[in-house]
Every structure is written in C-alpha cells, then in structure tokens.
Amino acid sequence: MDPTVSGCWAAAATCFAILIIRLDYQPRLFGEQVGGCIRTATYPAAQEEWGPLMDVTDPDTLRGTLDAGAANSWGQRLRTYRRARLGLSRGDFAELINDRARRDSVNVACSERHIARWELGEVRRPSKSYRVLLAALGAPVPEIDSVLSSPGLNVGFAREVVSQAPEFVGAGTRRGADATLLEALATAVVGSADILTPWLPSLDVPEMPCDTGCLDLDAVRSATSGLRERDQRHGGGSVARTAVDLLKSTTALLAGYRGHTTLAHALLVATADLARLIGWAYHDIGDQHRARQYATMALVSARRAGADSLVASTLYVLGRISLIERDPRVALRMFQLGQLPAQDATGGGESARLYANEAWAHAMMGDVDRMRTALARAEDEIARVADHPIDPWTRVFFTPGEFTGMRSVIYNEYALTARGQTAQHYTAEAVDAARASLAASTPGRPARSILFDNITIATGTFRLGQIDDAVSVATACLDMTGQVDSGRVGDRLGQLVHAASLASSRSDVRDLCQTIRRAVRTARHTPHQLTEHRLATA
C-alpha cells in the first residue's frame, strides 16, 4: 500500500475511534463524567503555590451546606459504596482504610468519625493521603466540582489552575489539554503508542539485569508462566512485587538486545506479557492506579511488537479495572476497542473473552438484551476458536468451568439492577451457573475462580432465602479465603455479608458475618498451602 494512503487511513481510523468514544463520553470542564461518576483532576501544585484560596483539604475543609443527601454527591456515593458494595459499617470501613494505609506505609489514623464527616458532607474533600487510599480501595474520590460551587471561590481562576494541573487520578481524566486515557488508547490501537507515555509507571531500571548469567528470553518466559499460575491460585498479592522486580531486569535486558531484531522482538512481547500480568495482579490486589499504569505499559510494548492478541488482552485488563471502579460505560469502550486487534490476532480467544466482559458491562447498566447478545457472541467465538491455538495470557478463560463461572457473575450483576421476580430469576440463574461451573471444573482451574463461584452461590442463596444452604457455603468460602491474597475476594465477601445481613437476623448468620468481616480485615498476605475445593453443599 502507498505510504501516503496508509498514513491517511490510520489518521482516519484514529479520528473515527475517538469520535465513537466522544459520542458517549463527553468531556467536562474539570473531569470526565461517566455513568454518573466523575473522575477529576487533582491540583496539589496549585495548592502549594496559592495556599488558602485552593486549600480545601481536611482539616481545613471549605464548608457549606451539608450535601450528603444531594443527588450524586461524593458523600452519598461513598455511603452507597460502603453499604451496598462492601457491606461494611463505618467503623469497619475506617479499619479497612487503616489496613491499606499500613500496607502502603501511609501515616493516617482513620476513625468512624472520619467516615461519618465525609458521608454527611462536613468534609467534602479529605486530605491527599486519604484520597490516595480511597482510590487504591476502588472507593469514590471527591470531585473538584463540589469545591467550585462553594461561595466566595474565584471560579474563573480555579478553572484555569485546575486545567493546567499536572497530576491526575483514575480513568477518564485529562492530561492538561490533551486526550483522555480512553482517547489516547483509541489512538494507540490504530496509530502510535507514544501518546500513552504520560500514563506509564516509573521504573528504576538497573543498568544491567540483576543476574545476567541466568536471565534470558527463555528464563523470562518461564518465570512469567510460573507467576501467572501462582496469581491464579494464590491471588495478585502473592506475585506483584516479584513480578515488578523481574520486569525491571527484563527491561534492562531488552536494552541490551538492540541489533538482534528477532530476539528483541520476542523479548518485547515477553515484556508486554509480564507487564500485563503485573497490571492484573495490582487489579486483583485492589490498587487500580498501579494496575492501570502497568497495563498501559503492556499495551505500549505489545503495540510496538505488533502482538495483536496481547494488545486486545491488555484492553481487557483495562476494561476490568473500570468495571471494578463501577464505570461500565468506560469499561465497555475498552472492551470494544479491544475487538479491533482481537479480530486481527493470529491466536484466537481474546474476542470471546471481550464479548463476555461486554456482557458484564451491559449487566451493570441494566441492559439485559445487550447482555444476552454479548453472551451469545462470546459463545459463538468460543466455538469458532475451539481448534485454534490459544495464547498463554488468554488460556485461563478456556479452562473448563471458567466461562460458566463468569456467566454466573454476570447474571448476579444484572440481578442487582433488577427488581421483584426478575431479580429473583437472575439470582437463581447465577446460583445455577456457579454450581454448573464448579461441576465442570478440573484440577487446573484457578483456586480464585472456584472461591468466586462459591461466594456467588452463598450470596445468591441468601438472597433467595435458602439460609441453611447459604450458611454452609459461606462457611466453606471463609475456609478458602486465607489461601488467596486478593482484594477482589474481600470485595465479594463484602457483598455476601450485605446479602446475609438483609436475609436473616439469626444469631448464627450474625456471627458468620462478623467472622467474615474480621477475616477480611486481618487477612494475612502470605499464601498457604493450596488444597482442592469444590462446592461445599449441593
């Protein structure tokens, strides 16, 4: 093809992809509003320079009329997240924040009073340390808009300062006057990946690999494979730090492969695979900021290597990050972008997984027709690639029972948006699918997935009023929890506790809920010896 024509086509494709995003993802002045949630810029540099004018951090918070009851206020969204998503009391949520702070070596002492002041609107913007911790836990973070509505603030000046702020948090934020991350990803998929540079993590890469005598391409591949298996069995917390250290050495090794085209290309793909694994591990832990950084690094490397399947798989990871942040529209756009490279990939499978996750996003938005359409497309793709090679980063999706287990999660998600008999019907569908998933599981299926299936069954049976069965399965879930270092497990156990608390006031149910809360708070981040589990009761 003529280079001029090729360049024009790429530019046109980029514009088209960004146009699709903008049709459903309109930028706002101080952030990006997606599905009622606002992801906004922070502005520490402005605070340092201008002092009290922009100082709205706790304890010197700019106060006004309490806004906890206002539609979509930060306090209201935080309260909804704590109760409906986590099923925690204010005291338990404060302790969860303190646990995260200790893990990240952040010096805070959160109390029930802090949570109450945030939710009631007495403090509209907590200190930066708390905002970082809330973001790491996947909780709502206060937007700048509430500050700008306060009396006496120079709005025009504030707009100028915020628009030039260098630091941004979360998906859908703006980098100065440039594209959002979503728009930058659309450009990277069909054009140059260099636009993603501002979103990459900072790696202190040594000049030479840590052990040049034994680290080579095969060693990197083997180590990544082992880390992937360990993540699937023990959770992201068991691999993140080790994987980051390996990535630093691999990046240094890659620099030494210049001039060796074939080896450099293979190592670039291996680097992308490893970075994607790290992004997934941090997502599983609950650190979505780091997860997004490393997933973006993976996409840049995969795009430069021309590894279409890995590009698609990384967009899947980025979409899952948005799903856990309760941004289904952004997640849907990530999955849809992933379909572009997935259709060109030589290795099959990613398209099926992307369709399945599109169904999850539709379920979260309450769109049952599109949910079912996406699931049907996933099934068609699974059948189509049955005899095709599956890439290592996709293989887990084709483990017996995995797709059925995901279907159970999707049905459960939709049940949360439905009411009455429809909610009951899809809750029962979720329980049945989770049981079928466990029945189909083989010894190679991830222990984390088996635990998720059991949590889905316990949660669903509580909602259906089958209390004795629910208590039995929930107890089995508690026994398995200590073997998986995963923040997502804690999130789903929170949903289980919430469902149990609503379903029954029996003393054994109350005791079980308290035990689960305590286990989540004090979970040790050291994996134990794995044993095979299945459904505790039929």
Protein backbone atom coordinates (compact mmCIF):
# COMPACT_ATOMS: atom_id res chain seq x y z
CA MET A 1 0.00 0.00 0.00
CA ASP A 2 1.17 3.52 -0.76
CA PRO A 3 2.60 5.06 2.47
CA THR A 4 0.57 8.22 1.99
CA VAL A 5 -2.65 6.25 1.66
CA SER A 6 -1.70 4.08 4.65
CA GLY A 7 -1.00 7.16 6.77
CA CYS A 8 -4.31 8.74 5.79
CA TRP A 9 -6.16 5.53 6.65
CA ALA A 10 -4.54 5.35 10.09
CA ALA A 11 -5.39 9.01 10.79
CA ALA A 12 -8.96 8.47 9.70
CA ALA A 13 -9.28 5.32 11.82
CA THR A 14 -7.94 7.19 14.83
CA CYS A 15 -10.43 10.02 14.37
CA PHE A 16 -13.25 7.51 13.92
CA ALA A 17 -12.34 5.60 17.10
CA ILE A 18 -12.11 8.82 19.13
CA LEU A 19 -15.40 10.04 17.66
CA ILE A 20 -17.11 6.84 18.82
CA ILE A 21 -15.77 7.41 22.30
CA ARG A 22 -16.79 11.06 22.41
CA LEU A 23 -20.35 10.26 21.38
CA ASP A 24 -20.85 8.52 24.71
CA TYR A 25 -18.06 10.02 26.76
CA GLN A 26 -18.41 13.80 26.78
CA PRO A 27 -15.59 15.71 28.48
CA ARG A 28 -16.48 18.10 31.27
CA LEU A 29 -14.60 21.19 32.30
CA PHE A 30 -12.96 19.71 35.37
CA GLY A 31 -13.09 15.98 34.68
CA GLU A 32 -14.88 13.23 32.88
CA GLN A 33 -18.41 12.19 33.80
CA VAL A 34 -19.14 8.54 33.13
CA GLY A 35 -22.29 6.78 34.19
CA GLY A 36 -22.96 9.40 36.86
CA CYS A 37 -19.46 9.12 38.34
CA ILE A 38 -16.89 11.87 37.95
CA ARG A 39 -13.19 11.25 37.70
CA THR A 40 -11.42 14.57 38.18
CA ALA A 41 -8.02 16.19 38.30
CA THR A 42 -6.14 16.86 41.50
CA TYR A 43 -4.17 20.04 41.86
CA PRO A 44 -1.52 19.81 44.59
CA ALA A 45 0.80 22.18 42.75
CA ALA A 46 -1.87 24.88 42.78
CA GLN A 47 -2.48 24.33 46.49
CA GLU A 48 1.20 24.67 47.29
CA GLU A 49 1.53 27.83 45.23
CA TRP A 50 -1.71 29.63 46.15
CA GLY A 51 -2.28 28.40 49.69
CA PRO A 52 -5.62 29.05 51.38
CA LEU A 53 -7.51 30.04 48.23
CA MET A 54 -7.44 26.44 46.98
CA ASP A 55 -6.85 24.73 50.32
CA VAL A 56 -9.91 22.57 50.79
CA THR A 57 -8.24 19.57 52.38
CA ASP A 58 -9.10 18.13 55.77
CA PRO A 59 -8.88 19.52 58.45
CA ASP A 60 -9.19 23.00 56.89
CA THR A 61 -12.01 21.94 54.60
CA LEU A 62 -14.11 24.51 52.83
CA ARG A 63 -17.53 24.04 54.38
CA GLY A 64 -21.04 24.96 53.31
CA THR A 65 -24.46 23.40 53.33
CA LEU A 66 -24.31 19.69 54.01
CA ASP A 67 -24.69 17.85 50.73
CA ALA A 68 -24.90 14.21 51.82
CA GLY A 69 -28.47 13.98 50.61
CA ALA A 70 -27.79 15.68 47.29
CA ALA A 71 -28.06 13.51 44.23
CA ASN A 72 -24.68 12.02 43.34
CA SER A 73 -22.74 13.98 45.96
CA TRP A 74 -19.46 12.43 46.94
CA GLY A 75 -20.67 11.72 50.47
CA GLN A 76 -23.75 9.96 49.15
CA ARG A 77 -21.74 7.90 46.66
CA LEU A 78 -19.23 6.97 49.36
CA ARG A 79 -22.04 5.84 51.69
CA THR A 80 -23.63 3.78 48.91
CA TYR A 81 -20.27 2.20 48.07
CA ARG A 82 -19.60 1.33 51.72
CA ARG A 83 -23.01 -0.19 52.37
CA ALA A 84 -24.10 -1.73 49.05
CA ARG A 85 -20.71 -2.63 47.60
CA LEU A 86 -18.73 -3.60 50.71
CA GLY A 87 -21.46 -4.25 53.28
CA LEU A 88 -19.34 -2.61 55.99
CA SER A 89 -20.16 -0.42 58.97
CA ARG A 90 -18.44 2.94 59.25
CA GLY A 91 -16.06 1.53 61.82
CA ASP A 92 -15.19 -1.46 59.65
CA PHE A 93 -14.65 0.77 56.63
CA ALA A 94 -12.34 3.01 58.67
CA GLU A 95 -10.36 -0.06 59.71
CA LEU A 96 -10.17 -1.17 56.06
CA ILE A 97 -8.62 2.19 55.20
CA ASN A 98 -6.16 1.85 58.08
CA ASP A 99 -5.20 -1.65 56.90
CA ARG A 100 -4.49 -0.28 53.44
CA ALA A 101 -2.50 2.59 54.95
CA ARG A 102 -0.33 0.20 56.96
CA ARG A 103 0.25 -1.89 53.85
CA ASP A 104 1.30 1.19 51.85
CA SER A 105 3.25 2.77 54.73
CA VAL A 106 0.92 5.78 54.84
CA ASN A 107 0.63 7.54 58.20
CA VAL A 108 -3.10 8.03 58.90
CA ALA A 109 -5.48 7.08 61.70
CA CYS A 110 -8.93 6.83 60.19
CA SER A 111 -11.88 6.52 62.56
CA GLU A 112 -15.63 6.06 62.36
CA ARG A 113 -15.91 9.83 62.86
CA HIS A 114 -13.89 10.46 59.70
CA ILE A 115 -16.25 8.32 57.65
CA ALA A 116 -19.32 10.00 59.17
CA ARG A 117 -17.99 13.50 58.40
CA TRP A 118 -17.24 12.53 54.80
CA GLU A 119 -20.63 10.92 54.21
CA LEU A 120 -22.56 13.76 55.89
CA GLY A 121 -20.76 16.38 53.83
CA GLU A 122 -18.99 18.03 56.78
CA VAL A 123 -15.73 17.33 54.95
CA ARG A 124 -16.13 17.49 51.20
CA ARG A 125 -12.51 16.80 50.30
CA PRO A 126 -10.29 14.79 52.66
CA SER A 127 -6.53 15.13 52.69
CA LYS A 128 -4.44 13.81 49.82
CA SER A 129 -3.35 10.76 51.83
CA TYR A 130 -6.95 9.72 52.32
CA ARG A 131 -7.82 10.40 48.67
CA VAL A 132 -4.98 8.15 47.56
CA LEU A 133 -6.09 5.40 49.94
CA LEU A 134 -9.72 5.66 48.83
CA ALA A 135 -8.65 5.44 45.19
CA ALA A 136 -6.49 2.39 45.95
CA LEU A 137 -9.52 0.70 47.53
CA GLY A 138 -11.67 1.48 44.49
CA ALA A 139 -13.91 3.81 46.51
CA PRO A 140 -15.36 7.06 45.11
CA VAL A 141 -12.99 10.03 45.28
CA PRO A 142 -14.39 13.56 45.75
CA GLU A 143 -14.66 15.67 42.65
CA ILE A 144 -13.45 19.22 42.20
CA ASP A 145 -16.90 20.39 41.11
CA SER A 146 -18.18 20.45 44.70
CA VAL A 147 -15.36 22.83 45.59
CA LEU A 148 -16.10 25.16 42.72
CA SER A 149 -19.72 25.51 43.81
CA SER A 150 -18.69 26.87 47.21
CA PRO A 151 -19.36 30.57 47.90
CA GLY A 152 -16.53 33.06 47.71
CA LEU A 153 -14.32 31.00 45.40
CA ASN A 154 -12.86 32.66 42.31
CA VAL A 155 -14.30 30.16 39.82
CA GLY A 156 -12.62 31.57 36.76
CA PHE A 157 -9.23 31.45 38.41
CA ALA A 158 -9.87 27.97 39.75
CA ARG A 159 -10.78 26.71 36.29
CA GLU A 160 -7.52 27.99 34.88
CA VAL A 161 -5.45 26.45 37.67
CA VAL A 162 -7.22 23.08 37.51
CA SER A 163 -7.00 22.87 33.73
CA GLN A 164 -3.21 23.22 33.98
CA ALA A 165 -2.74 20.81 36.89
CA PRO A 166 -0.04 18.16 36.26
CA GLU A 167 -1.40 15.36 38.43
CA PHE A 168 -4.46 13.33 37.56
CA VAL A 169 -6.17 10.31 39.10
CA GLY A 170 -8.22 7.45 37.62
CA ALA A 171 -9.67 6.51 34.26
CA GLY A 172 -11.12 9.17 32.05
CA THR A 173 -9.06 12.05 33.45
CA ARG A 174 -7.41 14.70 31.30
CA ARG A 175 -3.72 15.32 30.85
CA GLY A 176 -3.65 19.09 30.51
CA ALA A 177 -5.36 19.97 27.24
CA ASP A 178 -4.53 16.59 25.72
CA ALA A 179 -6.62 13.45 25.26
CA THR A 180 -8.19 11.40 28.00
CA LEU A 181 -6.67 7.99 28.63
CA LEU A 182 -9.53 6.40 26.73
CA GLU A 183 -8.95 8.63 23.72
CA ALA A 184 -5.21 8.03 23.92
CA LEU A 185 -5.83 4.29 23.93
CA ALA A 186 -8.00 4.62 20.84
CA THR A 187 -5.17 6.45 19.11
CA ALA A 188 -2.62 3.85 20.24
CA VAL A 189 -4.70 0.95 18.94
CA VAL A 190 -4.69 2.27 15.36
CA GLY A 191 -1.65 4.57 15.43
CA SER A 192 1.37 5.39 17.55
CA ALA A 193 1.52 4.18 21.14
CA ASP A 194 3.78 7.10 22.11
CA ILE A 195 0.71 9.11 23.15
CA LEU A 196 0.43 6.82 26.20
CA THR A 197 3.80 7.84 27.66
CA PRO A 198 2.29 10.11 30.38
CA TRP A 199 0.38 7.16 31.82
CA LEU A 200 3.35 4.79 32.17
CA PRO A 201 4.78 3.75 35.57
CA SER A 202 8.18 4.95 36.76
CA LEU A 203 10.62 2.07 36.86
CA ASP A 204 14.03 2.36 38.50
CA VAL A 205 15.64 0.07 35.96
CA PRO A 206 19.21 -1.06 36.71
CA GLU A 207 21.82 -0.51 34.04
CA MET A 208 22.25 -4.27 33.80
CA PRO A 209 19.89 -7.11 34.72
CA CYS A 210 20.12 -8.34 38.29
CA ASP A 211 21.56 -11.67 37.20
CA THR A 212 22.92 -11.52 33.66
CA GLY A 213 24.27 -15.04 33.91
CA CYS A 214 20.86 -16.75 34.05
CA LEU A 215 18.31 -14.20 32.77
CA ASP A 216 17.46 -14.61 29.11
CA LEU A 217 14.34 -14.84 26.95
CA ASP A 218 13.50 -18.39 28.00
CA ALA A 219 14.04 -17.55 31.66
CA VAL A 220 11.71 -14.55 31.41
CA ARG A 221 9.02 -16.62 29.72
CA SER A 222 9.34 -19.41 32.25
CA ALA A 223 9.26 -17.04 35.21
CA THR A 224 6.22 -15.22 33.82
CA SER A 225 4.41 -18.51 33.32
CA GLY A 226 5.12 -19.51 36.91
CA LEU A 227 3.97 -16.15 38.23
CA ARG A 228 0.78 -16.37 36.19
CA GLU A 229 -0.03 -19.77 37.66
CA ARG A 230 0.71 -18.53 41.16
CA ASP A 231 -1.53 -15.49 40.66
CA GLN A 232 -4.39 -17.72 39.57
CA ARG A 233 -4.00 -19.95 42.60
CA HIS A 234 -2.99 -17.53 45.35
CA GLY A 235 -4.01 -14.09 44.07
CA GLY A 236 -2.25 -10.99 42.84
CA GLY A 237 -0.75 -10.16 46.22
CA SER A 238 1.43 -13.25 46.00
CA VAL A 239 3.19 -12.18 42.81
CA ALA A 240 3.13 -8.38 42.38
CA ARG A 241 6.46 -7.44 43.96
CA THR A 242 8.36 -10.37 42.49
CA ALA A 243 6.93 -9.62 39.06
CA VAL A 244 7.88 -5.94 39.25
CA ASP A 245 11.47 -6.86 40.12
CA LEU A 246 11.55 -9.24 37.17
CA LEU A 247 10.14 -6.54 34.89
CA LYS A 248 12.92 -4.13 35.88
CA SER A 249 15.56 -6.69 34.96
CA THR A 250 13.73 -7.67 31.79
CA THR A 251 13.54 -4.04 30.68
CA ALA A 252 17.28 -3.68 31.22
CA LEU A 253 17.88 -6.92 29.34
CA LEU A 254 15.79 -5.65 26.45
CA ALA A 255 18.03 -2.62 26.10
CA GLY A 256 20.97 -4.97 25.58
CA TYR A 257 19.22 -6.80 22.72
CA ARG A 258 19.39 -3.88 20.33
CA GLY A 259 20.59 -5.00 16.96
CA HIS A 260 19.24 -8.53 17.46
CA THR A 261 15.91 -7.99 15.72
CA THR A 262 14.35 -11.41 16.24
CA LEU A 263 15.41 -11.75 19.87
CA ALA A 264 14.48 -8.14 20.67
CA HIS A 265 11.00 -8.63 19.22
CA ALA A 266 10.42 -11.83 21.20
CA LEU A 267 11.66 -10.20 24.40
CA LEU A 268 9.44 -7.16 23.78
CA VAL A 269 6.42 -9.48 23.61
CA ALA A 270 7.57 -11.22 26.80
CA THR A 271 7.98 -7.82 28.49
CA ALA A 272 4.45 -6.85 27.46
CA ASP A 273 3.09 -10.14 28.78
CA LEU A 274 4.85 -9.62 32.11
CA ALA A 275 3.65 -6.01 32.44
CA ARG A 276 0.11 -7.14 31.68
CA LEU A 277 0.38 -9.77 34.42
CA ILE A 278 1.55 -7.09 36.87
CA GLY A 279 -1.36 -4.87 35.89
CA TRP A 280 -3.75 -7.74 36.54
CA ALA A 281 -2.07 -8.56 39.86
CA TYR A 282 -2.45 -5.00 41.12
CA HIS A 283 -6.05 -5.00 39.91
CA ASP A 284 -6.64 -8.16 41.93
CA ILE A 285 -4.99 -6.64 45.00
CA GLY A 286 -7.18 -3.55 44.74
CA ASP A 287 -4.58 -0.97 43.65
CA GLN A 288 -6.26 0.23 40.47
CA HIS A 289 -3.90 3.16 39.95
CA ARG A 290 -0.84 0.92 39.62
CA ALA A 291 -2.89 -1.63 37.71
CA ARG A 292 -3.73 0.95 35.08
CA GLN A 293 -0.11 2.11 34.82
CA TYR A 294 1.33 -1.35 34.23
CA ALA A 295 -1.47 -2.37 31.88
CA THR A 296 -0.76 0.76 29.84
CA MET A 297 2.92 -0.19 29.75
CA ALA A 298 1.93 -3.63 28.50
CA LEU A 299 -0.19 -2.14 25.75
CA VAL A 300 2.63 0.14 24.59
CA SER A 301 5.08 -2.78 24.37
CA ALA A 302 2.56 -5.10 22.73
CA ARG A 303 1.57 -2.44 20.21
CA ARG A 304 5.21 -1.80 19.28
CA ALA A 305 5.75 -5.53 18.88
CA GLY A 306 2.64 -5.91 16.72
CA ALA A 307 1.23 -8.52 19.12
CA ASP A 308 -2.47 -8.03 18.37
CA SER A 309 -3.73 -10.67 20.78
CA LEU A 310 -1.74 -9.17 23.64
CA VAL A 311 -2.98 -5.65 22.79
CA ALA A 312 -6.55 -6.96 22.95
CA SER A 313 -5.85 -8.81 26.21
CA THR A 314 -4.42 -5.68 27.80
CA LEU A 315 -7.51 -3.67 26.84
CA TYR A 316 -9.49 -6.42 28.55
CA VAL A 317 -7.48 -5.77 31.74
CA LEU A 318 -8.03 -2.02 31.45
CA GLY A 319 -11.74 -2.64 30.99
CA ARG A 320 -11.87 -4.81 34.10
CA ILE A 321 -10.23 -2.01 36.07
CA SER A 322 -13.07 0.31 35.02
CA LEU A 323 -15.65 -2.35 35.89
CA ILE A 324 -14.39 -2.67 39.46
CA GLU A 325 -14.49 1.13 39.68
CA ARG A 326 -18.18 0.91 38.68
CA ASP A 327 -17.61 2.73 35.36
CA PRO A 328 -19.36 0.32 32.98
CA ARG A 329 -19.51 2.75 30.05
CA VAL A 330 -15.76 3.29 30.11
CA ALA A 331 -15.24 -0.45 30.53
CA LEU A 332 -17.48 -1.13 27.55
CA ARG A 333 -15.43 1.22 25.38
CA MET A 334 -12.22 -0.55 26.46
CA PHE A 335 -13.66 -3.94 25.52
CA GLN A 336 -14.94 -2.60 22.19
CA LEU A 337 -11.54 -1.11 21.39
CA GLY A 338 -10.01 -4.48 22.20
CA GLN A 339 -12.12 -6.12 19.50
CA LEU A 340 -10.15 -4.27 16.81
CA PRO A 341 -6.81 -6.03 17.45
CA ALA A 342 -8.60 -9.21 18.59
CA GLN A 343 -10.09 -9.64 15.12
CA ASP A 344 -6.61 -9.43 13.57
CA ALA A 345 -4.89 -11.69 16.08
CA THR A 346 -3.38 -14.95 14.89
CA GLY A 347 -4.09 -16.59 18.25
CA GLY A 348 -7.81 -16.98 18.92
CA GLY A 349 -9.70 -16.43 22.11
CA GLU A 350 -9.48 -12.79 23.15
CA SER A 351 -12.55 -11.81 21.16
CA ALA A 352 -14.64 -14.33 23.12
CA ARG A 353 -13.39 -13.01 26.45
CA LEU A 354 -14.02 -9.41 25.38
CA TYR A 355 -17.60 -10.22 24.38
CA ALA A 356 -18.18 -11.92 27.74
CA ASN A 357 -16.95 -8.84 29.55
CA GLU A 358 -19.05 -6.58 27.36
CA ALA A 359 -21.99 -8.59 28.69
CA TRP A 360 -20.83 -7.80 32.23
CA ALA A 361 -20.75 -4.07 31.46
CA HIS A 362 -24.25 -4.23 29.94
CA ALA A 363 -25.47 -6.13 33.02
CA MET A 364 -24.07 -3.45 35.30
CA MET A 365 -26.03 -0.87 33.30
CA GLY A 366 -29.21 -2.94 33.50
CA ASP A 367 -29.40 -3.68 29.75
CA VAL A 368 -30.49 -7.31 29.64
CA ASP A 369 -30.96 -7.50 25.86
CA ARG A 370 -27.42 -6.35 25.06
CA MET A 371 -26.13 -8.52 27.89
CA ARG A 372 -27.63 -11.63 26.32
CA THR A 373 -26.49 -10.63 22.83
CA ALA A 374 -22.91 -10.23 24.03
CA LEU A 375 -23.01 -13.59 25.81
CA ALA A 376 -24.28 -15.26 22.64
CA ARG A 377 -21.43 -13.70 20.66
CA ALA A 378 -18.95 -14.96 23.26
CA GLU A 379 -20.32 -18.47 22.88
CA ASP A 380 -20.03 -18.24 19.09
CA GLU A 381 -16.40 -17.12 19.37
CA ILE A 382 -15.60 -19.91 21.83
CA ALA A 383 -16.95 -22.47 19.38
CA ARG A 384 -15.11 -20.85 16.48
CA VAL A 385 -11.65 -20.98 18.10
CA ALA A 386 -12.04 -24.46 19.57
CA ASP A 387 -9.33 -25.90 17.32
CA HIS A 388 -7.11 -22.81 17.20
CA PRO A 389 -4.00 -22.15 19.31
CA ILE A 390 -4.67 -20.12 22.46
CA ASP A 391 -2.09 -17.62 23.73
CA PRO A 392 -0.80 -18.11 27.29
CA TRP A 393 -2.34 -14.83 28.51
CA THR A 394 -5.76 -15.99 27.27
CA ARG A 395 -5.65 -19.68 28.15
CA VAL A 396 -7.26 -19.39 31.59
CA PHE A 397 -10.52 -18.19 30.02
CA PHE A 398 -10.84 -21.56 28.29
CA THR A 399 -10.28 -23.60 31.46
CA PRO A 400 -13.30 -25.90 31.97
CA GLY A 401 -15.91 -24.09 34.04
CA GLU A 402 -14.39 -20.62 33.66
CA PHE A 403 -16.86 -19.15 31.13
CA THR A 404 -19.81 -20.64 33.01
CA GLY A 405 -18.49 -19.12 36.21
CA MET A 406 -18.23 -15.76 34.52
CA ARG A 407 -21.79 -16.12 33.29
CA SER A 408 -22.86 -16.57 36.92
CA VAL A 409 -21.13 -13.31 37.88
CA ILE A 410 -22.87 -11.52 35.01
CA TYR A 411 -26.31 -12.83 35.99
CA ASN A 412 -25.65 -11.84 39.59
CA GLU A 413 -24.65 -8.35 38.44
CA TYR A 414 -27.82 -7.92 36.44
CA ALA A 415 -29.93 -9.18 39.36
CA LEU A 416 -28.59 -6.27 41.42
CA THR A 417 -30.06 -3.80 38.90
CA ALA A 418 -33.42 -5.60 38.56
CA ARG A 419 -36.40 -5.78 40.88
CA GLY A 420 -39.02 -8.23 42.05
CA GLN A 421 -39.37 -11.51 40.20
CA THR A 422 -36.79 -10.51 37.59
CA ALA A 423 -34.17 -10.05 40.29
CA GLN A 424 -35.14 -13.38 41.85
CA HIS A 425 -34.98 -15.13 38.46
CA TYR A 426 -31.48 -13.91 37.63
CA THR A 427 -30.25 -14.56 41.15
CA ALA A 428 -31.36 -18.18 40.73
CA GLU A 429 -29.71 -18.26 37.28
CA ALA A 430 -26.48 -17.00 38.84
CA VAL A 431 -26.55 -19.70 41.52
CA ASP A 432 -27.28 -22.45 38.97
CA ALA A 433 -24.49 -21.25 36.67
CA ALA A 434 -21.99 -21.13 39.54
CA ARG A 435 -22.89 -24.68 40.54
CA ALA A 436 -22.52 -25.84 36.93
CA SER A 437 -19.16 -24.07 36.79
CA LEU A 438 -17.91 -25.93 39.84
CA ALA A 439 -19.20 -29.23 38.49
CA ALA A 440 -17.25 -28.68 35.26
CA SER A 441 -14.04 -27.57 36.97
CA THR A 442 -10.84 -29.55 36.61
CA PRO A 443 -7.76 -29.52 38.88
CA GLY A 444 -6.14 -26.90 36.63
CA ARG A 445 -8.84 -24.29 37.22
CA PRO A 446 -7.71 -21.28 39.32
CA ALA A 447 -8.49 -21.59 43.03
CA ARG A 448 -9.54 -17.93 42.99
CA SER A 449 -12.23 -18.71 40.41
CA ILE A 450 -13.50 -21.63 42.49
CA LEU A 451 -13.71 -19.34 45.51
CA PHE A 452 -15.60 -16.74 43.46
CA ASP A 453 -18.12 -19.40 42.39
CA ASN A 454 -18.74 -20.39 46.00
CA ILE A 455 -19.17 -16.75 47.03
CA THR A 456 -21.71 -16.28 44.23
CA ILE A 457 -23.64 -19.33 45.44
CA ALA A 458 -23.60 -18.20 49.07
CA THR A 459 -24.66 -14.66 48.18
CA GLY A 460 -27.42 -15.85 45.87
CA THR A 461 -28.84 -18.42 48.26
CA PHE A 462 -29.03 -15.79 51.00
CA ARG A 463 -30.99 -13.55 48.65
CA LEU A 464 -33.27 -16.46 47.74
CA GLY A 465 -33.97 -17.15 51.41
CA GLN A 466 -32.20 -20.53 51.49
CA ILE A 467 -30.45 -19.67 54.73
CA ASP A 468 -29.16 -23.08 55.81
CA ASP A 469 -27.54 -23.78 52.43
CA ALA A 470 -26.15 -20.26 52.32
CA VAL A 471 -24.53 -20.56 55.76
CA SER A 472 -22.91 -23.86 54.78
CA VAL A 473 -21.42 -22.49 51.56
CA ALA A 474 -20.39 -19.20 53.18
CA THR A 475 -18.50 -21.14 55.85
CA ALA A 476 -16.65 -23.03 53.11
CA CYS A 477 -15.82 -19.68 51.48
CA LEU A 478 -14.32 -18.50 54.75
CA ASP A 479 -12.11 -21.60 54.91
CA MET A 480 -10.78 -20.90 51.39
CA THR A 481 -10.24 -17.17 51.84
CA GLY A 482 -6.92 -17.46 53.66
CA GLN A 483 -5.34 -19.19 50.68
CA VAL A 484 -5.94 -16.35 48.20
CA ASP A 485 -4.32 -12.91 48.58
CA SER A 486 -6.89 -10.97 46.57
CA GLY A 487 -8.62 -7.67 47.24
CA ARG A 488 -11.42 -8.75 44.92
CA VAL A 489 -12.17 -11.64 47.26
CA GLY A 490 -12.66 -9.14 50.06
CA ASP A 491 -14.98 -7.06 47.86
CA ARG A 492 -17.17 -10.04 47.03
CA LEU A 493 -17.22 -11.24 50.61
CA GLY A 494 -18.49 -7.78 51.49
CA GLN A 495 -21.40 -8.31 49.11
CA LEU A 496 -22.02 -11.70 50.70
CA VAL A 497 -22.14 -10.15 54.18
CA HIS A 498 -24.54 -7.45 52.95
CA ALA A 499 -26.89 -10.05 51.44
CA ALA A 500 -26.72 -12.21 54.58
CA SER A 501 -27.46 -9.27 56.87
CA LEU A 502 -30.56 -8.41 54.86
CA ALA A 503 -31.72 -12.02 54.56
CA SER A 504 -31.71 -13.19 58.16
CA SER A 505 -31.37 -11.99 61.74
CA ARG A 506 -30.45 -15.44 63.01
CA SER A 507 -27.64 -15.44 65.54
CA ASP A 508 -25.52 -17.89 63.53
CA VAL A 509 -25.81 -15.63 60.48
CA ARG A 510 -24.79 -12.59 62.53
CA ASP A 511 -21.83 -14.49 63.95
CA LEU A 512 -20.79 -15.66 60.49
CA CYS A 513 -20.94 -12.12 59.13
CA GLN A 514 -18.82 -10.84 61.97
CA THR A 515 -16.28 -13.62 61.41
CA ILE A 516 -16.07 -12.81 57.70
CA ARG A 517 -15.60 -9.09 58.41
CA ARG A 518 -12.84 -9.90 60.87
CA ALA A 519 -11.17 -12.30 58.44
CA VAL A 520 -11.19 -9.71 55.66
CA ARG A 521 -9.67 -7.08 57.94
CA THR A 522 -6.95 -9.30 59.34
CA ALA A 523 -6.22 -11.48 56.32
CA ARG A 524 -2.55 -12.34 56.16
CA HIS A 525 -0.85 -11.63 52.86
CA THR A 526 1.06 -14.88 52.87
CA PRO A 527 -0.40 -17.68 50.73
CA HIS A 528 -1.00 -21.00 52.45
CA GLN A 529 -0.71 -24.50 51.09
CA LEU A 530 -3.37 -24.95 48.42
CA THR A 531 -5.98 -27.68 48.67
CA GLU A 532 -8.58 -28.54 46.06
CA HIS A 533 -12.07 -27.23 46.79
CA ARG A 534 -15.46 -27.72 45.23
CA LEU A 535 -18.96 -26.70 46.19
CA ALA A 536 -19.44 -27.41 49.88
CA THR A 537 -23.09 -28.35 49.56
CA ALA A 538 -25.35 -29.29 46.69
